[in-house]
């Protein structure tokens, strides 16, 4: 059970970090 929660948190963190990187590159391209 603990490992499934850990995997879920890691996957969510990866999705959020990749989304932030994409938005940052998009903003820098717009400037």
N, C-alpha and C. Protein backbone atom coordinates (compact mmCIF):
# COMPACT_ATOMS: atom_id res chain seq x y z
N UNK A 1 0.84 -1.20 0.00
CA UNK A 1 0.00 0.00 0.00
C UNK A 1 0.87 1.26 0.00
N UNK A 2 1.92 1.23 0.80
CA UNK A 2 2.80 2.40 0.89
C UNK A 2 3.50 2.66 -0.44
N UNK A 3 3.90 1.58 -1.11
CA UNK A 3 4.62 1.75 -2.38
C UNK A 3 3.70 2.32 -3.45
N UNK A 4 2.42 1.94 -3.42
CA UNK A 4 1.48 2.47 -4.42
C UNK A 4 1.29 3.98 -4.21
N UNK A 5 1.21 4.40 -2.96
CA UNK A 5 1.08 5.84 -2.67
C UNK A 5 2.33 6.59 -3.11
N UNK A 6 3.50 5.97 -2.85
CA UNK A 6 4.77 6.59 -3.24
C UNK A 6 4.85 6.73 -4.75
N UNK A 7 4.45 5.67 -5.47
CA UNK A 7 4.47 5.71 -6.93
C UNK A 7 3.51 6.78 -7.45
N UNK A 8 2.35 6.91 -6.81
CA UNK A 8 1.36 7.90 -7.22
C UNK A 8 1.91 9.32 -7.03
N UNK A 9 2.54 9.56 -5.88
CA UNK A 9 3.11 10.89 -5.61
C UNK A 9 4.22 11.21 -6.61
N UNK A 10 5.05 10.22 -6.93
CA UNK A 10 6.15 10.45 -7.88
C UNK A 10 5.61 10.75 -9.27
N UNK A 11 4.58 10.00 -9.69
CA UNK A 11 4.02 10.22 -11.03
C UNK A 11 3.37 11.61 -11.11
N UNK A 12 2.67 12.01 -10.04
CA UNK A 12 2.04 13.34 -10.02
C UNK A 12 3.11 14.43 -10.05
N UNK A 13 4.21 14.21 -9.31
CA UNK A 13 5.29 15.20 -9.29
C UNK A 13 5.92 15.34 -10.68
N UNK A 14 6.10 14.20 -11.37
CA UNK A 14 6.69 14.25 -12.71
C UNK A 14 5.76 14.99 -13.66
N UNK A 15 4.45 14.74 -13.56
CA UNK A 15 3.49 15.42 -14.44
C UNK A 15 3.50 16.93 -14.18
N UNK A 16 3.54 17.33 -12.92
CA UNK A 16 3.53 18.75 -12.58
C UNK A 16 4.82 19.43 -13.04
N UNK A 17 5.96 18.77 -12.82
CA UNK A 17 7.24 19.38 -13.20
C UNK A 17 7.33 19.51 -14.72
N UNK A 18 6.86 18.50 -15.45
CA UNK A 18 6.91 18.57 -16.92
C UNK A 18 5.97 19.66 -17.41
N UNK A 19 4.82 19.81 -16.77
CA UNK A 19 3.88 20.86 -17.15
C UNK A 19 4.46 22.24 -16.89
N UNK A 20 5.16 22.40 -15.77
CA UNK A 20 5.78 23.69 -15.46
C UNK A 20 6.87 24.01 -16.46
N UNK A 21 7.66 23.01 -16.84
CA UNK A 21 8.73 23.24 -17.83
C UNK A 21 8.13 23.65 -19.17
N UNK A 22 7.03 22.99 -19.57
CA UNK A 22 6.39 23.31 -20.85
C UNK A 22 5.84 24.74 -20.82
N UNK A 23 5.21 25.12 -19.72
CA UNK A 23 4.64 26.47 -19.63
C UNK A 23 5.75 27.52 -19.60
N UNK A 24 6.86 27.22 -18.93
CA UNK A 24 7.98 28.17 -18.88
C UNK A 24 8.59 28.36 -20.25
N UNK A 25 8.76 27.26 -21.00
CA UNK A 25 9.34 27.39 -22.34
C UNK A 25 8.37 28.14 -23.26
N UNK A 26 7.06 27.91 -23.07
CA UNK A 26 6.07 28.60 -23.89
C UNK A 26 6.10 30.10 -23.60
N UNK A 27 6.23 30.47 -22.32
CA UNK A 27 6.26 31.89 -21.95
C UNK A 27 7.53 32.55 -22.50
N UNK A 28 8.66 31.83 -22.40
CA UNK A 28 9.92 32.41 -22.90
C UNK A 28 9.87 32.54 -24.42
N UNK A 29 9.15 31.64 -25.09
CA UNK A 29 9.04 31.73 -26.55
C UNK A 29 8.12 32.89 -26.94
N UNK A 30 7.13 33.19 -26.10
CA UNK A 30 6.20 34.27 -26.41
C UNK A 30 6.86 35.64 -26.23
N UNK A 31 7.83 35.72 -25.33
CA UNK A 31 8.45 37.03 -25.06
C UNK A 31 9.31 37.52 -26.22
